Amino acid sequence: MNQYPSQYIDCICTIRERFAPTAFHATLPNGKATVAFVQLKEAHLLDIIKPGDKVNVTICPADFERARIRSMV
């Protein structure tokens, strides 16, 4: 029986653009596109993050299309 991986991947993404109040289009280090979200506990980042910025994100290995922004680089 296949199980989803329990380990999360930490990496650095480059922000391309903001498209929702808490969501950004971003690029992973391998060039793939992802949607990066800011959680409520990191809401202070919403005023800081701009296109071209690099951010630390956490990604679930089962879904590389969504990333959680943890901090600025």
PDB file of N, CA and C in Angstrom:
ATOM      1  N   MET A   1       0.844  -1.190   0.000  1.00  0.00           N
ATOM      2  CA  MET A   1       0.000   0.000   0.000  1.00  0.00           C
ATOM      3  C   MET A   1       0.884   1.247   0.000  1.00  0.00           C
ATOM      4  N   ASN A   2       0.665   2.136  -0.960  1.00  0.00           N
ATOM      5  CA  ASN A   2       1.444   3.359  -1.036  1.00  0.00           C
ATOM      6  C   ASN A   2       0.960   4.364  -0.010  1.00  0.00           C
ATOM      7  N   GLN A   3       1.903   5.010   0.619  1.00  0.00           N
ATOM      8  CA  GLN A   3       1.598   6.047   1.597  1.00  0.00           C
ATOM      9  C   GLN A   3       2.188   7.354   1.097  1.00  0.00           C
ATOM     10  N   TYR A   4       1.568   8.449   1.463  1.00  0.00           N
ATOM     11  CA  TYR A   4       2.148   9.735   1.127  1.00  0.00           C
ATOM     12  C   TYR A   4       3.396   9.950   1.970  1.00  0.00           C
ATOM     13  N   PRO A   5       4.411  10.582   1.409  1.00  0.00           N
ATOM     14  CA  PRO A   5       5.629  10.846   2.184  1.00  0.00           C
ATOM     15  C   PRO A   5       5.326  11.766   3.353  1.00  0.00           C
ATOM     16  N   SER A   6       5.957  11.502   4.469  1.00  0.00           N
ATOM     17  CA  SER A   6       5.711  12.319   5.648  1.00  0.00           C
ATOM     18  C   SER A   6       6.758  13.417   5.809  1.00  0.00           C
ATOM     19  N   GLN A   7       7.831  13.353   5.052  1.00  0.00           N
ATOM     20  CA  GLN A   7       8.878  14.359   5.144  1.00  0.00           C
ATOM     21  C   GLN A   7       8.547  15.536   4.228  1.00  0.00           C
ATOM     22  N   TYR A   8       8.777  16.731   4.703  1.00  0.00           N
ATOM     23  CA  TYR A   8       8.575  17.921   3.893  1.00  0.00           C
ATOM     24  C   TYR A   8       9.914  18.382   3.334  1.00  0.00           C
ATOM     25  N   ILE A   9       9.875  19.096   2.228  1.00  0.00           N
ATOM     26  CA  ILE A   9      11.078  19.585   1.572  1.00  0.00           C
ATOM     27  C   ILE A   9      11.171  21.083   1.803  1.00  0.00           C
ATOM     28  N   ASP A  10      12.329  21.542   2.260  1.00  0.00           N
ATOM     29  CA  ASP A  10      12.586  22.965   2.423  1.00  0.00           C
ATOM     30  C   ASP A  10      13.472  23.422   1.274  1.00  0.00           C
ATOM     31  N   CYS A  11      13.106  24.522   0.631  1.00  0.00           N
ATOM     32  CA  CYS A  11      13.930  25.052  -0.453  1.00  0.00           C
ATOM     33  C   CYS A  11      13.690  26.557  -0.572  1.00  0.00           C
ATOM     34  N   ILE A  12      14.359  27.155  -1.533  1.00  0.00           N
ATOM     35  CA  ILE A  12      14.238  28.593  -1.776  1.00  0.00           C
ATOM     36  C   ILE A  12      13.545  28.803  -3.112  1.00  0.00           C
ATOM     37  N   CYS A  13      12.511  29.631  -3.127  1.00  0.00           N
ATOM     38  CA  CYS A  13      11.766  29.967  -4.350  1.00  0.00           C
ATOM     39  C   CYS A  13      11.977  31.431  -4.671  1.00  0.00           C
ATOM     40  N   THR A  14      11.775  31.754  -5.931  1.00  0.00           N
ATOM     41  CA  THR A  14      11.803  33.144  -6.379  1.00  0.00           C
ATOM     42  C   THR A  14      10.374  33.570  -6.691  1.00  0.00           C
ATOM     43  N   ILE A  15       9.949  34.665  -6.095  1.00  0.00           N
ATOM     44  CA  ILE A  15       8.590  35.176  -6.296  1.00  0.00           C
ATOM     45  C   ILE A  15       8.496  35.827  -7.675  1.00  0.00           C
ATOM     46  N   ARG A  16       7.470  35.453  -8.449  1.00  0.00           N
ATOM     47  CA  ARG A  16       7.232  36.058  -9.767  1.00  0.00           C
ATOM     48  C   ARG A  16       6.204  37.176  -9.685  1.00  0.00           C
ATOM     49  N   GLU A  17       5.053  36.896  -9.043  1.00  0.00           N
ATOM     50  CA  GLU A  17       3.999  37.911  -8.949  1.00  0.00           C
ATOM     51  C   GLU A  17       3.013  37.519  -7.851  1.00  0.00           C
ATOM     52  N   ARG A  18       2.286  38.514  -7.375  1.00  0.00           N
ATOM     53  CA  ARG A  18       1.204  38.272  -6.410  1.00  0.00           C
ATOM     54  C   ARG A  18      -0.095  38.199  -7.195  1.00  0.00           C
ATOM     55  N   PHE A  19      -0.912  37.175  -6.908  1.00  0.00           N
ATOM     56  CA  PHE A  19      -2.176  37.078  -7.630  1.00  0.00           C
ATOM     57  C   PHE A  19      -3.380  36.993  -6.709  1.00  0.00           C
ATOM     58  N   ALA A  20      -3.162  36.942  -5.417  1.00  0.00           N
ATOM     59  CA  ALA A  20      -4.238  36.941  -4.428  1.00  0.00           C
ATOM     60  C   ALA A  20      -3.674  37.582  -3.163  1.00  0.00           C
ATOM     61  N   PRO A  21      -4.523  37.944  -2.220  1.00  0.00           N
ATOM     62  CA  PRO A  21      -4.021  38.606  -1.010  1.00  0.00           C
ATOM     63  C   PRO A  21      -2.927  37.833  -0.265  1.00  0.00           C
ATOM     64  N   THR A  22      -3.000  36.507  -0.268  1.00  0.00           N
ATOM     65  CA  THR A  22      -1.996  35.721   0.456  1.00  0.00           C
ATOM     66  C   THR A  22      -1.278  34.716  -0.432  1.00  0.00           C
ATOM     67  N   ALA A  23      -1.370  34.859  -1.748  1.00  0.00           N
ATOM     68  CA  ALA A  23      -0.773  33.869  -2.648  1.00  0.00           C
ATOM     69  C   ALA A  23       0.077  34.531  -3.732  1.00  0.00           C
ATOM     70  N   PHE A  24       1.145  33.829  -4.101  1.00  0.00           N
ATOM     71  CA  PHE A  24       2.094  34.319  -5.087  1.00  0.00           C
ATOM     72  C   PHE A  24       2.412  33.210  -6.084  1.00  0.00           C
ATOM     73  N   HIS A  25       2.683  33.600  -7.329  1.00  0.00           N
ATOM     74  CA  HIS A  25       3.265  32.667  -8.287  1.00  0.00           C
ATOM     75  C   HIS A  25       4.768  32.705  -8.021  1.00  0.00           C
ATOM     76  N   ALA A  26       5.382  31.535  -7.926  1.00  0.00           N
ATOM     77  CA  ALA A  26       6.803  31.451  -7.619  1.00  0.00           C
ATOM     78  C   ALA A  26       7.460  30.399  -8.503  1.00  0.00           C
ATOM     79  N   THR A  27       8.790  30.434  -8.544  1.00  0.00           N
ATOM     80  CA  THR A  27       9.564  29.481  -9.328  1.00  0.00           C
ATOM     81  C   THR A  27      10.478  28.703  -8.398  1.00  0.00           C
ATOM     82  N   LEU A  28      10.434  27.374  -8.514  1.00  0.00           N
ATOM     83  CA  LEU A  28      11.306  26.500  -7.733  1.00  0.00           C
ATOM     84  C   LEU A  28      12.723  26.536  -8.311  1.00  0.00           C
ATOM     85  N   PRO A  29      13.714  26.059  -7.561  1.00  0.00           N
ATOM     86  CA  PRO A  29      15.095  26.061  -8.074  1.00  0.00           C
ATOM     87  C   PRO A  29      15.274  25.273  -9.377  1.00  0.00           C
ATOM     88  N   ASN A  30      14.418  24.276  -9.626  1.00  0.00           N
ATOM     89  CA  ASN A  30      14.535  23.497 -10.860  1.00  0.00           C
ATOM     90  C   ASN A  30      13.789  24.143 -12.029  1.00  0.00           C
ATOM     91  N   GLY A  31      13.215  25.342 -11.834  1.00  0.00           N
ATOM     92  CA  GLY A  31      12.541  26.065 -12.896  1.00  0.00           C
ATOM     93  C   GLY A  31      11.044  25.819 -12.985  1.00  0.00           C
ATOM     94  N   LYS A  32      10.510  24.887 -12.211  1.00  0.00           N
ATOM     95  CA  LYS A  32       9.070  24.606 -12.230  1.00  0.00           C
ATOM     96  C   LYS A  32       8.313  25.696 -11.479  1.00  0.00           C
ATOM     97  N   ALA A  33       7.075  25.921 -11.907  1.00  0.00           N
ATOM     98  CA  ALA A  33       6.217  26.926 -11.276  1.00  0.00           C
ATOM     99  C   ALA A  33       5.467  26.309 -10.103  1.00  0.00           C
ATOM    100  N   THR A  34       5.207  27.113  -9.091  1.00  0.00           N
ATOM    101  CA  THR A  34       4.430  26.688  -7.934  1.00  0.00           C
ATOM    102  C   THR A  34       3.625  27.882  -7.428  1.00  0.00           C
ATOM    103  N   VAL A  35       2.648  27.608  -6.592  1.00  0.00           N
ATOM    104  CA  VAL A  35       1.883  28.660  -5.924  1.00  0.00           C
ATOM    105  C   VAL A  35       2.351  28.678  -4.477  1.00  0.00           C
ATOM    106  N   ALA A  36       2.846  29.823  -4.039  1.00  0.00           N
ATOM    107  CA  ALA A  36       3.370  29.960  -2.680  1.00  0.00           C
ATOM    108  C   ALA A  36       2.386  30.762  -1.841  1.00  0.00           C
ATOM    109  N   PHE A  37       2.018  30.201  -0.708  1.00  0.00           N
ATOM    110  CA  PHE A  37       1.046  30.826   0.192  1.00  0.00           C
ATOM    111  C   PHE A  37       1.719  31.328   1.456  1.00  0.00           C
ATOM    112  N   VAL A  38       1.199  32.424   2.003  1.00  0.00           N
ATOM    113  CA  VAL A  38       1.642  32.942   3.290  1.00  0.00           C
ATOM    114  C   VAL A  38       0.589  32.560   4.315  1.00  0.00           C
ATOM    115  N   GLN A  39       1.025  31.896   5.388  1.00  0.00           N
ATOM    116  CA  GLN A  39       0.101  31.530   6.462  1.00  0.00           C
ATOM    117  C   GLN A  39      -0.192  32.741   7.333  1.00  0.00           C
ATOM    118  N   LEU A  40      -1.278  32.659   8.076  1.00  0.00           N
ATOM    119  CA  LEU A  40      -1.689  33.768   8.937  1.00  0.00           C
ATOM    120  C   LEU A  40      -0.609  34.139   9.944  1.00  0.00           C
ATOM    121  N   LYS A  41       0.101  33.146  10.492  1.00  0.00           N
ATOM    122  CA  LYS A  41       1.134  33.452  11.496  1.00  0.00           C
ATOM    123  C   LYS A  41       2.331  34.175  10.889  1.00  0.00           C
ATOM    124  N   GLU A  42       2.461  34.155   9.557  1.00  0.00           N
ATOM    125  CA  GLU A  42       3.535  34.861   8.863  1.00  0.00           C
ATOM    126  C   GLU A  42       2.991  36.070   8.097  1.00  0.00           C
ATOM    127  N   ALA A  43       1.859  36.600   8.516  1.00  0.00           N
ATOM    128  CA  ALA A  43       1.170  37.681   7.794  1.00  0.00           C
ATOM    129  C   ALA A  43       2.035  38.929   7.628  1.00  0.00           C
ATOM    130  N   HIS A  44       2.998  39.150   8.504  1.00  0.00           N
ATOM    131  CA  HIS A  44       3.863  40.328   8.376  1.00  0.00           C
ATOM    132  C   HIS A  44       4.667  40.304   7.071  1.00  0.00           C
ATOM    133  N   LEU A  45       4.830  39.124   6.477  1.00  0.00           N
ATOM    134  CA  LEU A  45       5.568  39.012   5.214  1.00  0.00           C
ATOM    135  C   LEU A  45       4.790  39.563   4.024  1.00  0.00           C
ATOM    136  N   LEU A  46       3.481  39.664   4.147  1.00  0.00           N
ATOM    137  CA  LEU A  46       2.657  40.118   3.025  1.00  0.00           C
ATOM    138  C   LEU A  46       3.022  41.519   2.560  1.00  0.00           C
ATOM    139  N   ASP A  47       3.435  42.373   3.480  1.00  0.00           N
ATOM    140  CA  ASP A  47       3.806  43.742   3.119  1.00  0.00           C
ATOM    141  C   ASP A  47       5.244  43.829   2.614  1.00  0.00           C
ATOM    142  N   ILE A  48       6.034  42.796   2.839  1.00  0.00           N
ATOM    143  CA  ILE A  48       7.459  42.817   2.514  1.00  0.00           C
ATOM    144  C   ILE A  48       7.762  42.171   1.166  1.00  0.00           C
ATOM    145  N   ILE A  49       7.077  41.074   0.844  1.00  0.00           N
ATOM    146  CA  ILE A  49       7.405  40.268  -0.334  1.00  0.00           C
ATOM    147  C   ILE A  49       7.029  41.001  -1.624  1.00  0.00           C
ATOM    148  N   LYS A  50       7.992  41.061  -2.543  1.00  0.00           N
ATOM    149  CA  LYS A  50       7.792  41.710  -3.838  1.00  0.00           C
ATOM    150  C   LYS A  50       8.324  40.783  -4.934  1.00  0.00           C
ATOM    151  N   PRO A  51       7.891  40.952  -6.185  1.00  0.00           N
ATOM    152  CA  PRO A  51       8.416  40.121  -7.277  1.00  0.00           C
ATOM    153  C   PRO A  51       9.942  40.200  -7.342  1.00  0.00           C
ATOM    154  N   GLY A  52      10.562  39.043  -7.554  1.00  0.00           N
ATOM    155  CA  GLY A  52      12.019  38.955  -7.606  1.00  0.00           C
ATOM    156  C   GLY A  52      12.649  38.556  -6.290  1.00  0.00           C
ATOM    157  N   ASP A  53      11.901  38.651  -5.189  1.00  0.00           N
ATOM    158  CA  ASP A  53      12.431  38.267  -3.879  1.00  0.00           C
ATOM    159  C   ASP A  53      12.586  36.757  -3.790  1.00  0.00           C
ATOM    160  N   LYS A  54      13.550  36.326  -2.988  1.00  0.00           N
ATOM    161  CA  LYS A  54      13.731  34.912  -2.705  1.00  0.00           C
ATOM    162  C   LYS A  54      13.181  34.626  -1.315  1.00  0.00           C
ATOM    163  N   VAL A  55      12.424  33.530  -1.179  1.00  0.00           N
ATOM    164  CA  VAL A  55      11.802  33.166   0.089  1.00  0.00           C
ATOM    165  C   VAL A  55      12.064  31.697   0.394  1.00  0.00           C
ATOM    166  N   ASN A  56      12.121  31.379   1.675  1.00  0.00           N
ATOM    167  CA  ASN A  56      12.211  29.994   2.122  1.00  0.00           C
ATOM    168  C   ASN A  56      10.810  29.412   2.114  1.00  0.00           C
ATOM    169  N   VAL A  57      10.650  28.226   1.528  1.00  0.00           N
ATOM    170  CA  VAL A  57       9.344  27.581   1.473  1.00  0.00           C
ATOM    171  C   VAL A  57       9.451  26.127   1.925  1.00  0.00           C
ATOM    172  N   THR A  58       8.308  25.582   2.310  1.00  0.00           N
ATOM    173  CA  THR A  58       8.174  24.164   2.635  1.00  0.00           C
ATOM    174  C   THR A  58       7.188  23.572   1.641  1.00  0.00           C
ATOM    175  N   ILE A  59       7.572  22.430   1.060  1.00  0.00           N
ATOM    176  CA  ILE A  59       6.754  21.771   0.043  1.00  0.00           C
ATOM    177  C   ILE A  59       6.520  20.334   0.448  1.00  0.00           C
ATOM    178  N   CYS A  60       5.301  19.860   0.257  1.00  0.00           N
ATOM    179  CA  CYS A  60       4.987  18.450   0.463  1.00  0.00           C
ATOM    180  C   CYS A  60       5.425  17.701  -0.796  1.00  0.00           C
ATOM    181  N   PRO A  61       6.179  16.607  -0.665  1.00  0.00           N
ATOM    182  CA  PRO A  61       6.643  15.868  -1.844  1.00  0.00           C
ATOM    183  C   PRO A  61       5.510  15.321  -2.711  1.00  0.00           C
ATOM    184  N   ALA A  62       4.328  15.195  -2.176  1.00  0.00           N
ATOM    185  CA  ALA A  62       3.204  14.677  -2.947  1.00  0.00           C
ATOM    186  C   ALA A  62       2.569  15.745  -3.833  1.00  0.00           C
ATOM    187  N   ASP A  63       2.859  17.034  -3.583  1.00  0.00           N
ATOM    188  CA  ASP A  63       2.220  18.117  -4.326  1.00  0.00           C
ATOM    189  C   ASP A  63       3.185  19.289  -4.469  1.00  0.00           C
ATOM    190  N   PHE A  64       3.965  19.299  -5.555  1.00  0.00           N
ATOM    191  CA  PHE A  64       4.935  20.367  -5.782  1.00  0.00           C
ATOM    192  C   PHE A  64       4.289  21.639  -6.325  1.00  0.00           C
ATOM    193  N   GLU A  65       2.995  21.629  -6.531  1.00  0.00           N
ATOM    194  CA  GLU A  65       2.320  22.811  -7.073  1.00  0.00           C
ATOM    195  C   GLU A  65       1.917  23.800  -5.987  1.00  0.00           C
ATOM    196  N   ARG A  66       2.108  23.428  -4.715  1.00  0.00           N
ATOM    197  CA  ARG A  66       1.769  24.318  -3.601  1.00  0.00           C
ATOM    198  C   ARG A  66       2.939  24.379  -2.639  1.00  0.00           C
ATOM    199  N   ALA A  67       3.259  25.572  -2.195  1.00  0.00           N
ATOM    200  CA  ALA A  67       4.359  25.762  -1.246  1.00  0.00           C
ATOM    201  C   ALA A  67       3.909  26.713  -0.140  1.00  0.00           C
ATOM    202  N   ARG A  68       4.453  26.534   1.032  1.00  0.00           N
ATOM    203  CA  ARG A  68       4.143  27.400   2.175  1.00  0.00           C
ATOM    204  C   ARG A  68       5.359  28.285   2.453  1.00  0.00           C
ATOM    205  N   ILE A  69       5.167  29.593   2.393  1.00  0.00           N
ATOM    206  CA  ILE A  69       6.256  30.529   2.644  1.00  0.00           C
ATOM    207  C   ILE A  69       6.520  30.589   4.139  1.00  0.00           C
ATOM    208  N   ARG A  70       7.811  30.412   4.514  1.00  0.00           N
ATOM    209  CA  ARG A  70       8.186  30.448   5.924  1.00  0.00           C
ATOM    210  C   ARG A  70       8.900  31.732   6.304  1.00  0.00           C
ATOM    211  N   SER A  71       9.776  32.223   5.401  1.00  0.00           N
ATOM    212  CA  SER A  71      10.542  33.426   5.722  1.00  0.00           C
ATOM    213  C   SER A  71      11.194  33.985   4.463  1.00  0.00           C
ATOM    214  N   MET A  72      11.749  35.170   4.585  1.00  0.00           N
ATOM    215  CA  MET A  72      12.534  35.781   3.515  1.00  0.00           C
ATOM    216  C   MET A  72      13.959  35.242   3.604  1.00  0.00           C
ATOM    217  N   VAL A  73      14.651  35.256   2.467  1.00  0.00           N
ATOM    218  CA  VAL A  73      16.063  34.831   2.462  1.00  0.00           C
ATOM    219  C   VAL A  73      16.925  36.010   2.776  1.00  0.00           C
TER     220      VAL A  73
END
